[in-house]
C-alpha atoms as a PDB file:
ATOM      1  CA  MET A   1      -2.067  10.279  12.190  1.00  0.00           C
ATOM      2  CA  PRO A   2       0.730   8.140  10.804  1.00  0.00           C
ATOM      3  CA  LEU A   3       2.418   9.035   7.539  1.00  0.00           C
ATOM      4  CA  TYR A   4       2.172   6.375   4.817  1.00  0.00           C
ATOM      5  CA  ARG A   5       4.335   6.177   1.706  1.00  0.00           C
ATOM      6  CA  PHE A   6       2.945   4.725  -1.523  1.00  0.00           C
ATOM      7  CA  ARG A   7       5.307   3.439  -4.217  1.00  0.00           C
ATOM      8  CA  ILE A   8       3.826   2.851  -7.678  1.00  0.00           C
ATOM      9  CA  LEU A   9       5.861   0.233  -9.536  1.00  0.00           C
ATOM     10  CA  ASP A  10       6.182  -0.658 -13.210  1.00  0.00           C
ATOM     11  CA  LYS A  11       5.996  -4.257 -14.466  1.00  0.00           C
ATOM     12  CA  PHE A  12       9.703  -4.698 -13.651  1.00  0.00           C
ATOM     13  CA  GLY A  13       9.267  -3.627 -10.022  1.00  0.00           C
ATOM     14  CA  ARG A  14      10.900  -0.225 -10.516  1.00  0.00           C
ATOM     15  CA  ARG A  15       9.384   2.798  -8.809  1.00  0.00           C
ATOM     16  CA  ILE A  16       7.772   5.112 -11.337  1.00  0.00           C
ATOM     17  CA  ALA A  17       5.917   7.389  -8.912  1.00  0.00           C
ATOM     18  CA  GLY A  18       5.274   7.912  -5.244  1.00  0.00           C
ATOM     19  CA  GLN A  19       2.957   9.617  -2.846  1.00  0.00           C
ATOM     20  CA  PHE A  20       2.832  10.399   0.875  1.00  0.00           C
ATOM     21  CA  SER A  21      -0.371  10.648   2.856  1.00  0.00           C
ATOM     22  CA  HIS A  22      -1.400  10.932   6.515  1.00  0.00           C
ATOM     23  CA  LEU A  23      -4.000   8.218   7.129  1.00  0.00           C
ATOM     24  CA  LEU A  24      -5.739   6.765  10.160  1.00  0.00           C
ATOM     25  CA  ASP A  25      -4.511   3.160   9.954  1.00  0.00           C
ATOM     26  CA  ASP A  26      -3.332   0.315   7.708  1.00  0.00           C
ATOM     27  CA  ASP A  27      -6.862  -0.457   6.505  1.00  0.00           C
ATOM     28  CA  GLU A  28      -7.339   3.096   5.271  1.00  0.00           C
ATOM     29  CA  ALA A  29      -3.906   2.921   3.602  1.00  0.00           C
ATOM     30  CA  ARG A  30      -4.903  -0.301   1.817  1.00  0.00           C
ATOM     31  CA  ARG A  31      -8.111   1.332   0.539  1.00  0.00           C
ATOM     32  CA  HIS A  32      -6.050   4.261  -0.754  1.00  0.00           C
ATOM     33  CA  ALA A  33      -3.657   1.821  -2.485  1.00  0.00           C
ATOM     34  CA  VAL A  34      -6.624   0.219  -4.295  1.00  0.00           C
ATOM     35  CA  LEU A  35      -7.662   3.646  -5.598  1.00  0.00           C
ATOM     36  CA  LEU A  36      -4.099   4.325  -6.763  1.00  0.00           C
ATOM     37  CA  ARG A  37      -4.000   0.965  -8.591  1.00  0.00           C
ATOM     38  CA  GLU A  38      -7.218   1.843 -10.399  1.00  0.00           C
ATOM     39  CA  ARG A  39      -5.932   5.288 -11.383  1.00  0.00           C
ATOM     40  CA  THR A  40      -2.533   4.023 -12.563  1.00  0.00           C
ATOM     41  CA  LYS A  41      -3.849   1.308 -14.877  1.00  0.00           C
ATOM     42  CA  ASP A  42      -3.239  -1.582 -12.471  1.00  0.00           C
ATOM     43  CA  HIS A  43       0.420  -0.922 -11.688  1.00  0.00           C
ATOM     44  CA  ALA A  44       1.599  -2.510  -8.454  1.00  0.00           C
ATOM     45  CA  VAL A  45       1.448  -0.306  -5.367  1.00  0.00           C
ATOM     46  CA  GLU A  46       3.531  -0.861  -2.234  1.00  0.00           C
ATOM     47  CA  VAL A  47       2.503   0.739   1.033  1.00  0.00           C
ATOM     48  CA  TRP A  48       5.007   1.621   3.758  1.00  0.00           C
ATOM     49  CA  GLN A  49       4.681   3.211   7.163  1.00  0.00           C
ATOM     50  CA  ASP A  50       8.160   4.246   8.274  1.00  0.00           C
ATOM     51  CA  GLU A  51      10.374   1.169   7.686  1.00  0.00           C
ATOM     52  CA  ARG A  52       7.470  -1.312   7.848  1.00  0.00           C
ATOM     53  CA  GLN A  53       5.760  -2.519   4.698  1.00  0.00           C
ATOM     54  CA  VAL A  54       2.001  -2.762   5.133  1.00  0.00           C
ATOM     55  CA  PRO A  55       0.856  -6.244   4.053  1.00  0.00           C
ATOM     56  CA  ASP A  56      -1.575  -6.418   1.155  1.00  0.00           C
ATOM     57  CA  LEU A  57      -4.699  -8.247   2.376  1.00  0.00           C
ATOM     58  CA  SER A  58      -5.139  -9.945  -1.004  1.00  0.00           C
ATOM     59  CA  LEU A  59      -1.874 -11.823  -0.335  1.00  0.00           C
ATOM     60  CA  LEU A  60      -2.978 -13.188   3.048  1.00  0.00           C
ATOM     61  CA  ASP A  61      -4.590 -16.618   3.380  1.00  0.00           C
ATOM     62  CA  GLY A  62      -8.191 -16.988   4.512  1.00  0.00           C
ATOM     63  CA  ASP A  63      -9.142 -15.212   7.712  1.00  0.00           C
ATOM     64  CA  GLU A  64      -5.588 -14.373   8.723  1.00  0.00           C
ATOM     65  CA  LYS A  65      -5.218 -10.809   9.934  1.00  0.00           C
ATOM     66  CA  PRO A  66      -2.104  -8.739   9.304  1.00  0.00           C
ATOM     67  CA  PRO A  67      -0.014  -7.918  12.367  1.00  0.00           C
ATOM     68  CA  ARG A  68      -0.981  -4.697  14.147  1.00  0.00           C
ATOM     69  CA  HIS A  69       1.908  -2.337  14.936  1.00  0.00           C
END
């Protein structure tokens, strides 16, 4: 299982907390990020797997799928 890194950001984009988790794939990482957002009072959450940032599906247009790596 790949290791994902979650960065919780304040309103200025500064990291205020972080978390690491082994998850199955990007979709599972996105679901985990949604839970973190809910728990942290809607702070932004970035998701990274190694040096690659996992795209947030809410930022993608229409039916476009994020690239699979």
